Amino acid sequence: AGLALGVLCVSSRTPRPAIDDGQAD
């Protein structure tokens, strides 16, 4: 139905650069 029920999320204790299109996909 196009509703966001939650997320698949990832985290790290260290900062990173912004993600690229390939990582987002």
mmCIF file of all heavy atoms, coordinates in Angstrom:
data_MODEL
# 
_entry.id   MODEL 
# 
loop_
_atom_site.group_PDB 
_atom_site.id 
_atom_site.type_symbol 
_atom_site.label_atom_id 
_atom_site.label_alt_id 
_atom_site.label_comp_id 
_atom_site.label_asym_id 
_atom_site.label_entity_id 
_atom_site.label_seq_id 
_atom_site.pdbx_PDB_ins_code 
_atom_site.Cartn_x 
_atom_site.Cartn_y 
_atom_site.Cartn_z 
_atom_site.occupancy 
_atom_site.B_iso_or_equiv 
_atom_site.pdbx_formal_charge 
_atom_site.auth_seq_id 
_atom_site.auth_comp_id 
_atom_site.auth_asym_id 
_atom_site.auth_atom_id 
_atom_site.pdbx_PDB_model_num 
ATOM 1   N N   . ALA A 1 1  ? 0.817  -1.216 0.000  1.00 0.00 ? 1  ALA A N   1 
ATOM 2   C CA  . ALA A 1 1  ? 0.000  0.000  0.000  1.00 0.00 ? 1  ALA A CA  1 
ATOM 3   C C   . ALA A 1 1  ? 0.855  1.271  0.000  1.00 0.00 ? 1  ALA A C   1 
ATOM 4   O O   . ALA A 1 1  ? 0.318  2.379  0.013  1.00 0.00 ? 1  ALA A O   1 
ATOM 5   C CB  . ALA A 1 1  ? -0.939 -0.002 1.204  1.00 0.00 ? 1  ALA A CB  1 
ATOM 6   N N   . GLY A 1 2  ? 2.184  1.113  0.018  1.00 0.00 ? 2  GLY A N   1 
ATOM 7   C CA  . GLY A 1 2  ? 3.077  2.264  0.009  1.00 0.00 ? 2  GLY A CA  1 
ATOM 8   C C   . GLY A 1 2  ? 3.339  2.874  1.372  1.00 0.00 ? 2  GLY A C   1 
ATOM 9   O O   . GLY A 1 2  ? 3.839  3.989  1.464  1.00 0.00 ? 2  GLY A O   1 
ATOM 10  N N   . LEU A 1 3  ? 3.018  2.137  2.430  1.00 0.00 ? 3  LEU A N   1 
ATOM 11  C CA  . LEU A 1 3  ? 3.228  2.633  3.789  1.00 0.00 ? 3  LEU A CA  1 
ATOM 12  C C   . LEU A 1 3  ? 4.574  2.166  4.340  1.00 0.00 ? 3  LEU A C   1 
ATOM 13  O O   . LEU A 1 3  ? 4.937  1.004  4.180  1.00 0.00 ? 3  LEU A O   1 
ATOM 14  C CB  . LEU A 1 3  ? 2.112  2.140  4.704  1.00 0.00 ? 3  LEU A CB  1 
ATOM 15  C CG  . LEU A 1 3  ? 0.701  2.583  4.328  1.00 0.00 ? 3  LEU A CG  1 
ATOM 16  C CD1 . LEU A 1 3  ? -0.330 1.792  5.113  1.00 0.00 ? 3  LEU A CD1 1 
ATOM 17  C CD2 . LEU A 1 3  ? 0.534  4.075  4.541  1.00 0.00 ? 3  LEU A CD2 1 
ATOM 18  N N   . ALA A 1 4  ? 5.279  3.050  5.013  1.00 0.00 ? 4  ALA A N   1 
ATOM 19  C CA  . ALA A 1 4  ? 6.555  2.704  5.645  1.00 0.00 ? 4  ALA A CA  1 
ATOM 20  C C   . ALA A 1 4  ? 6.261  2.117  7.020  1.00 0.00 ? 4  ALA A C   1 
ATOM 21  O O   . ALA A 1 4  ? 5.841  2.827  7.934  1.00 0.00 ? 4  ALA A O   1 
ATOM 22  C CB  . ALA A 1 4  ? 7.448  3.925  5.764  1.00 0.00 ? 4  ALA A CB  1 
ATOM 23  N N   . LEU A 1 5  ? 6.479  0.803  7.170  1.00 0.00 ? 5  LEU A N   1 
ATOM 24  C CA  . LEU A 1 5  ? 6.188  0.125  8.428  1.00 0.00 ? 5  LEU A CA  1 
ATOM 25  C C   . LEU A 1 5  ? 7.359  0.194  9.401  1.00 0.00 ? 5  LEU A C   1 
ATOM 26  O O   . LEU A 1 5  ? 7.190  0.022  10.599 1.00 0.00 ? 5  LEU A O   1 
ATOM 27  C CB  . LEU A 1 5  ? 5.827  -1.334 8.174  1.00 0.00 ? 5  LEU A CB  1 
ATOM 28  C CG  . LEU A 1 5  ? 4.718  -1.596 7.154  1.00 0.00 ? 5  LEU A CG  1 
ATOM 29  C CD1 . LEU A 1 5  ? 4.366  -3.078 7.132  1.00 0.00 ? 5  LEU A CD1 1 
ATOM 30  C CD2 . LEU A 1 5  ? 3.511  -0.741 7.422  1.00 0.00 ? 5  LEU A CD2 1 
ATOM 31  N N   . GLY A 1 6  ? 8.517  0.410  8.881  1.00 0.00 ? 6  GLY A N   1 
ATOM 32  C CA  . GLY A 1 6  ? 9.739  0.455  9.670  1.00 0.00 ? 6  GLY A CA  1 
ATOM 33  C C   . GLY A 1 6  ? 10.904 0.624  8.719  1.00 0.00 ? 6  GLY A C   1 
ATOM 34  O O   . GLY A 1 6  ? 10.738 1.165  7.621  1.00 0.00 ? 6  GLY A O   1 
ATOM 35  N N   . VAL A 1 7  ? 12.064 0.113  9.125  1.00 0.00 ? 7  VAL A N   1 
ATOM 36  C CA  . VAL A 1 7  ? 13.273 0.288  8.319  1.00 0.00 ? 7  VAL A CA  1 
ATOM 37  C C   . VAL A 1 7  ? 14.199 -0.920 8.433  1.00 0.00 ? 7  VAL A C   1 
ATOM 38  O O   . VAL A 1 7  ? 14.146 -1.676 9.404  1.00 0.00 ? 7  VAL A O   1 
ATOM 39  C CB  . VAL A 1 7  ? 14.073 1.544  8.740  1.00 0.00 ? 7  VAL A CB  1 
ATOM 40  C CG1 . VAL A 1 7  ? 13.275 2.817  8.538  1.00 0.00 ? 7  VAL A CG1 1 
ATOM 41  C CG2 . VAL A 1 7  ? 14.580 1.443  10.154 1.00 0.00 ? 7  VAL A CG2 1 
ATOM 42  N N   . LEU A 1 8  ? 15.048 -1.041 7.441  1.00 0.00 ? 8  LEU A N   1 
ATOM 43  C CA  . LEU A 1 8  ? 16.258 -1.839 7.543  1.00 0.00 ? 8  LEU A CA  1 
ATOM 44  C C   . LEU A 1 8  ? 17.345 -0.798 7.755  1.00 0.00 ? 8  LEU A C   1 
ATOM 45  O O   . LEU A 1 8  ? 17.550 0.076  6.903  1.00 0.00 ? 8  LEU A O   1 
ATOM 46  C CB  . LEU A 1 8  ? 16.505 -2.650 6.271  1.00 0.00 ? 8  LEU A CB  1 
ATOM 47  C CG  . LEU A 1 8  ? 17.834 -3.402 6.212  1.00 0.00 ? 8  LEU A CG  1 
ATOM 48  C CD1 . LEU A 1 8  ? 17.958 -4.420 7.349  1.00 0.00 ? 8  LEU A CD1 1 
ATOM 49  C CD2 . LEU A 1 8  ? 17.999 -4.086 4.851  1.00 0.00 ? 8  LEU A CD2 1 
ATOM 50  N N   . CYS A 1 9  ? 17.988 -0.831 8.920  1.00 0.00 ? 9  CYS A N   1 
ATOM 51  C CA  . CYS A 1 9  ? 18.943 0.220  9.251  1.00 0.00 ? 9  CYS A CA  1 
ATOM 52  C C   . CYS A 1 9  ? 20.306 -0.356 9.606  1.00 0.00 ? 9  CYS A C   1 
ATOM 53  O O   . CYS A 1 9  ? 20.432 -1.513 9.990  1.00 0.00 ? 9  CYS A O   1 
ATOM 54  C CB  . CYS A 1 9  ? 18.418 1.096  10.374 1.00 0.00 ? 9  CYS A CB  1 
ATOM 55  S SG  . CYS A 1 9  ? 17.920 0.224  11.867 1.00 0.00 ? 9  CYS A SG  1 
ATOM 56  N N   . VAL A 1 10 ? 21.302 0.511  9.458  1.00 0.00 ? 10 VAL A N   1 
ATOM 57  C CA  . VAL A 1 10 ? 22.696 0.147  9.672  1.00 0.00 ? 10 VAL A CA  1 
ATOM 58  C C   . VAL A 1 10 ? 23.351 1.278  10.456 1.00 0.00 ? 10 VAL A C   1 
ATOM 59  O O   . VAL A 1 10 ? 23.080 2.445  10.189 1.00 0.00 ? 10 VAL A O   1 
ATOM 60  C CB  . VAL A 1 10 ? 23.414 -0.035 8.315  1.00 0.00 ? 10 VAL A CB  1 
ATOM 61  C CG1 . VAL A 1 10 ? 24.882 -0.348 8.507  1.00 0.00 ? 10 VAL A CG1 1 
ATOM 62  C CG2 . VAL A 1 10 ? 22.729 -1.098 7.457  1.00 0.00 ? 10 VAL A CG2 1 
ATOM 63  N N   . SER A 1 11 ? 24.202 0.915  11.408 1.00 0.00 ? 11 SER A N   1 
ATOM 64  C CA  . SER A 1 11 ? 24.916 1.959  12.139 1.00 0.00 ? 11 SER A CA  1 
ATOM 65  C C   . SER A 1 11 ? 26.340 1.521  12.456 1.00 0.00 ? 11 SER A C   1 
ATOM 66  O O   . SER A 1 11 ? 26.652 0.336  12.487 1.00 0.00 ? 11 SER A O   1 
ATOM 67  C CB  . SER A 1 11 ? 24.183 2.320  13.437 1.00 0.00 ? 11 SER A CB  1 
ATOM 68  O OG  . SER A 1 11 ? 24.217 1.252  14.351 1.00 0.00 ? 11 SER A OG  1 
ATOM 69  N N   . SER A 1 12 ? 27.159 2.535  12.691 1.00 0.00 ? 12 SER A N   1 
ATOM 70  C CA  . SER A 1 12 ? 28.543 2.322  13.116 1.00 0.00 ? 12 SER A CA  1 
ATOM 71  C C   . SER A 1 12 ? 28.903 3.340  14.176 1.00 0.00 ? 12 SER A C   1 
ATOM 72  O O   . SER A 1 12 ? 28.313 4.415  14.245 1.00 0.00 ? 12 SER A O   1 
ATOM 73  C CB  . SER A 1 12 ? 29.507 2.455  11.940 1.00 0.00 ? 12 SER A CB  1 
ATOM 74  O OG  . SER A 1 12 ? 29.497 1.292  11.159 1.00 0.00 ? 12 SER A OG  1 
ATOM 75  N N   . ARG A 1 13 ? 29.907 2.997  14.943 1.00 0.00 ? 13 ARG A N   1 
ATOM 76  C CA  . ARG A 1 13 ? 30.382 3.898  15.999 1.00 0.00 ? 13 ARG A CA  1 
ATOM 77  C C   . ARG A 1 13 ? 31.316 4.973  15.474 1.00 0.00 ? 13 ARG A C   1 
ATOM 78  O O   . ARG A 1 13 ? 31.713 5.865  16.213 1.00 0.00 ? 13 ARG A O   1 
ATOM 79  C CB  . ARG A 1 13 ? 31.107 3.080  17.071 1.00 0.00 ? 13 ARG A CB  1 
ATOM 80  C CG  . ARG A 1 13 ? 30.181 2.187  17.865 1.00 0.00 ? 13 ARG A CG  1 
ATOM 81  C CD  . ARG A 1 13 ? 30.956 1.367  18.901 1.00 0.00 ? 13 ARG A CD  1 
ATOM 82  N NE  . ARG A 1 13 ? 30.060 0.493  19.622 1.00 0.00 ? 13 ARG A NE  1 
ATOM 83  C CZ  . ARG A 1 13 ? 29.796 -0.761 19.279 1.00 0.00 ? 13 ARG A CZ  1 
ATOM 84  N NH1 . ARG A 1 13 ? 30.383 -1.293 18.220 1.00 0.00 ? 13 ARG A NH1 1 
ATOM 85  N NH2 . ARG A 1 13 ? 28.957 -1.489 19.987 1.00 0.00 ? 13 ARG A NH2 1 
ATOM 86  N N   . THR A 1 14 ? 31.673 4.876  14.209 1.00 0.00 ? 14 THR A N   1 
ATOM 87  C CA  . THR A 1 14 ? 32.550 5.867  13.592 1.00 0.00 ? 14 THR A CA  1 
ATOM 88  C C   . THR A 1 14 ? 31.804 6.553  12.452 1.00 0.00 ? 14 THR A C   1 
ATOM 89  O O   . THR A 1 14 ? 30.982 5.931  11.775 1.00 0.00 ? 14 THR A O   1 
ATOM 90  C CB  . THR A 1 14 ? 33.832 5.212  13.036 1.00 0.00 ? 14 THR A CB  1 
ATOM 91  O OG1 . THR A 1 14 ? 33.474 4.175  12.122 1.00 0.00 ? 14 THR A OG1 1 
ATOM 92  C CG2 . THR A 1 14 ? 34.677 4.631  14.149 1.00 0.00 ? 14 THR A CG2 1 
ATOM 93  N N   . PRO A 1 15 ? 32.088 7.844  12.218 1.00 0.00 ? 15 PRO A N   1 
ATOM 94  C CA  . PRO A 1 15 ? 31.424 8.547  11.119 1.00 0.00 ? 15 PRO A CA  1 
ATOM 95  C C   . PRO A 1 15 ? 31.894 7.998  9.772  1.00 0.00 ? 15 PRO A C   1 
ATOM 96  O O   . PRO A 1 15 ? 32.959 7.380  9.679  1.00 0.00 ? 15 PRO A O   1 
ATOM 97  C CB  . PRO A 1 15 ? 31.842 9.997  11.308 1.00 0.00 ? 15 PRO A CB  1 
ATOM 98  C CG  . PRO A 1 15 ? 33.089 9.943  12.114 1.00 0.00 ? 15 PRO A CG  1 
ATOM 99  C CD  . PRO A 1 15 ? 33.021 8.684  12.943 1.00 0.00 ? 15 PRO A CD  1 
ATOM 100 N N   . ARG A 1 16 ? 31.089 8.216  8.767  1.00 0.00 ? 16 ARG A N   1 
ATOM 101 C CA  . ARG A 1 16 ? 31.375 7.758  7.398  1.00 0.00 ? 16 ARG A CA  1 
ATOM 102 C C   . ARG A 1 16 ? 30.998 8.864  6.423  1.00 0.00 ? 16 ARG A C   1 
ATOM 103 O O   . ARG A 1 16 ? 30.217 9.743  6.754  1.00 0.00 ? 16 ARG A O   1 
ATOM 104 C CB  . ARG A 1 16 ? 30.520 6.539  7.049  1.00 0.00 ? 16 ARG A CB  1 
ATOM 105 C CG  . ARG A 1 16 ? 30.584 5.375  7.993  1.00 0.00 ? 16 ARG A CG  1 
ATOM 106 C CD  . ARG A 1 16 ? 31.801 4.513  7.684  1.00 0.00 ? 16 ARG A CD  1 
ATOM 107 N NE  . ARG A 1 16 ? 31.876 3.378  8.577  1.00 0.00 ? 16 ARG A NE  1 
ATOM 108 C CZ  . ARG A 1 16 ? 31.344 2.192  8.332  1.00 0.00 ? 16 ARG A CZ  1 
ATOM 109 N NH1 . ARG A 1 16 ? 30.652 1.981  7.244  1.00 0.00 ? 16 ARG A NH1 1 
ATOM 110 N NH2 . ARG A 1 16 ? 31.482 1.212  9.193  1.00 0.00 ? 16 ARG A NH2 1 
ATOM 111 N N   . PRO A 1 17 ? 31.484 8.732  5.191  1.00 0.00 ? 17 PRO A N   1 
ATOM 112 C CA  . PRO A 1 17 ? 30.982 9.654  4.154  1.00 0.00 ? 17 PRO A CA  1 
ATOM 113 C C   . PRO A 1 17 ? 29.520 9.327  3.838  1.00 0.00 ? 17 PRO A C   1 
ATOM 114 O O   . PRO A 1 17 ? 29.035 8.237  4.148  1.00 0.00 ? 17 PRO A O   1 
ATOM 115 C CB  . PRO A 1 17 ? 31.869 9.349  2.941  1.00 0.00 ? 17 PRO A CB  1 
ATOM 116 C CG  . PRO A 1 17 ? 32.965 8.461  3.422  1.00 0.00 ? 17 PRO A CG  1 
ATOM 117 C CD  . PRO A 1 17 ? 32.538 7.863  4.726  1.00 0.00 ? 17 PRO A CD  1 
ATOM 118 N N   . ALA A 1 18 ? 28.845 10.264 3.214  1.00 0.00 ? 18 ALA A N   1 
ATOM 119 C CA  . ALA A 1 18 ? 27.476 10.004 2.757  1.00 0.00 ? 18 ALA A CA  1 
ATOM 120 C C   . ALA A 1 18 ? 27.509 8.820  1.796  1.00 0.00 ? 18 ALA A C   1 
ATOM 121 O O   . ALA A 1 18 ? 28.514 8.575  1.116  1.00 0.00 ? 18 ALA A O   1 
ATOM 122 C CB  . ALA A 1 18 ? 26.914 11.239 2.068  1.00 0.00 ? 18 ALA A CB  1 
ATOM 123 N N   . ILE A 1 19 ? 26.414 8.082  1.744  1.00 0.00 ? 19 ILE A N   1 
ATOM 124 C CA  . ILE A 1 19 ? 26.370 6.899  0.882  1.00 0.00 ? 19 ILE A CA  1 
ATOM 125 C C   . ILE A 1 19 ? 26.184 7.318  -0.575 1.00 0.00 ? 19 ILE A C   1 
ATOM 126 O O   . ILE A 1 19 ? 25.702 8.410  -0.867 1.00 0.00 ? 19 ILE A O   1 
ATOM 127 C CB  . ILE A 1 19 ? 25.261 5.923  1.315  1.00 0.00 ? 19 ILE A CB  1 
ATOM 128 C CG1 . ILE A 1 19 ? 23.881 6.555  1.188  1.00 0.00 ? 19 ILE A CG1 1 
ATOM 129 C CG2 . ILE A 1 19 ? 25.517 5.443  2.745  1.00 0.00 ? 19 ILE A CG2 1 
ATOM 130 C CD1 . ILE A 1 19 ? 22.741 5.575  1.405  1.00 0.00 ? 19 ILE A CD1 1 
ATOM 131 N N   . ASP A 1 20 ? 26.560 6.409  -1.475 1.00 0.00 ? 20 ASP A N   1 
ATOM 132 C CA  . ASP A 1 20 ? 26.374 6.672  -2.903 1.00 0.00 ? 20 ASP A CA  1 
ATOM 133 C C   . ASP A 1 20 ? 25.111 5.959  -3.393 1.00 0.00 ? 20 ASP A C   1 
ATOM 134 O O   . ASP A 1 20 ? 24.471 5.209  -2.643 1.00 0.00 ? 20 ASP A O   1 
ATOM 135 C CB  . ASP A 1 20 ? 27.618 6.267  -3.705 1.00 0.00 ? 20 ASP A CB  1 
ATOM 136 C CG  . ASP A 1 20 ? 27.969 4.789  -3.608 1.00 0.00 ? 20 ASP A CG  1 
ATOM 137 O OD1 . ASP A 1 20 ? 27.051 3.934  -3.501 1.00 0.00 ? 20 ASP A OD1 1 
ATOM 138 O OD2 . ASP A 1 20 ? 29.166 4.466  -3.669 1.00 0.00 ? 20 ASP A OD2 1 
ATOM 139 N N   . ASP A 1 21 ? 24.755 6.184  -4.646 1.00 0.00 ? 21 ASP A N   1 
ATOM 140 C CA  . ASP A 1 21 ? 23.534 5.605  -5.209 1.00 0.00 ? 21 ASP A CA  1 
ATOM 141 C C   . ASP A 1 21 ? 23.556 4.082  -5.187 1.00 0.00 ? 21 ASP A C   1 
ATOM 142 O O   . ASP A 1 21 ? 22.529 3.446  -4.937 1.00 0.00 ? 21 ASP A O   1 
ATOM 143 C CB  . ASP A 1 21 ? 23.312 6.095  -6.641 1.00 0.00 ? 21 ASP A CB  1 
ATOM 144 C CG  . ASP A 1 21 ? 22.929 7.562  -6.703 1.00 0.00 ? 21 ASP A CG  1 
ATOM 145 O OD1 . ASP A 1 21 ? 22.516 8.131  -5.675 1.00 0.00 ? 21 ASP A OD1 1 
ATOM 146 O OD2 . ASP A 1 21 ? 23.046 8.151  -7.805 1.00 0.00 ? 21 ASP A OD2 1 
ATOM 147 N N   . GLY A 1 22 ? 24.712 3.486  -5.422 1.00 0.00 ? 22 GLY A N   1 
ATOM 148 C CA  . GLY A 1 22 ? 24.814 2.022  -5.404 1.00 0.00 ? 22 GLY A CA  1 
ATOM 149 C C   . GLY A 1 22 ? 24.532 1.450  -4.020 1.00 0.00 ? 22 GLY A C   1 
ATOM 150 O O   . GLY A 1 22 ? 23.828 0.438  -3.884 1.00 0.00 ? 22 GLY A O   1 
ATOM 151 N N   . GLN A 1 23 ? 25.055 2.092  -2.995 1.00 0.00 ? 23 GLN A N   1 
ATOM 152 C CA  . GLN A 1 23 ? 24.788 1.638  -1.623 1.00 0.00 ? 23 GLN A CA  1 
ATOM 153 C C   . GLN A 1 23 ? 23.312 1.830  -1.264 1.00 0.00 ? 23 GLN A C   1 
ATOM 154 O O   . GLN A 1 23 ? 22.706 0.964  -0.643 1.00 0.00 ? 23 GLN A O   1 
ATOM 155 C CB  . GLN A 1 23 ? 25.675 2.397  -0.638 1.00 0.00 ? 23 GLN A CB  1 
ATOM 156 C CG  . GLN A 1 23 ? 27.134 2.036  -0.739 1.00 0.00 ? 23 GLN A CG  1 
ATOM 157 C CD  . GLN A 1 23 ? 27.998 2.978  0.078  1.00 0.00 ? 23 GLN A CD  1 
ATOM 158 O OE1 . GLN A 1 23 ? 27.885 4.202  -0.029 1.00 0.00 ? 23 GLN A OE1 1 
ATOM 159 N NE2 . GLN A 1 23 ? 28.856 2.406  0.908  1.00 0.00 ? 23 GLN A NE2 1 
ATOM 160 N N   . ALA A 1 24 ? 22.734 2.958  -1.667 1.00 0.00 ? 24 ALA A N   1 
ATOM 161 C CA  . ALA A 1 24 ? 21.316 3.202  -1.400 1.00 0.00 ? 24 ALA A CA  1 
ATOM 162 C C   . ALA A 1 24 ? 20.455 2.153  -2.091 1.00 0.00 ? 24 ALA A C   1 
ATOM 163 O O   . ALA A 1 24 ? 19.532 1.595  -1.482 1.00 0.00 ? 24 ALA A O   1 
ATOM 164 C CB  . ALA A 1 24 ? 20.925 4.610  -1.864 1.00 0.00 ? 24 ALA A CB  1 
ATOM 165 N N   . ASP A 1 25 ? 20.767 1.853  -3.345 1.00 0.00 ? 25 ASP A N   1 
ATOM 166 C CA  . ASP A 1 25 ? 20.009 0.835  -4.081 1.00 0.00 ? 25 ASP A CA  1 
ATOM 167 C C   . ASP A 1 25 ? 20.159 -0.539 -3.440 1.00 0.00 ? 25 ASP A C   1 
ATOM 168 O O   . ASP A 1 25 ? 19.201 -1.301 -3.355 1.00 0.00 ? 25 ASP A O   1 
ATOM 169 C CB  . ASP A 1 25 ? 20.448 0.780  -5.544 1.00 0.00 ? 25 ASP A CB  1 
ATOM 170 C CG  . ASP A 1 25 ? 20.028 2.006  -6.337 1.00 0.00 ? 25 ASP A CG  1 
ATOM 171 O OD1 . ASP A 1 25 ? 19.142 2.766  -5.864 1.00 0.00 ? 25 ASP A OD1 1 
ATOM 172 O OD2 . ASP A 1 25 ? 20.594 2.227  -7.431 1.00 0.00 ? 25 ASP A OD2 1 
# 
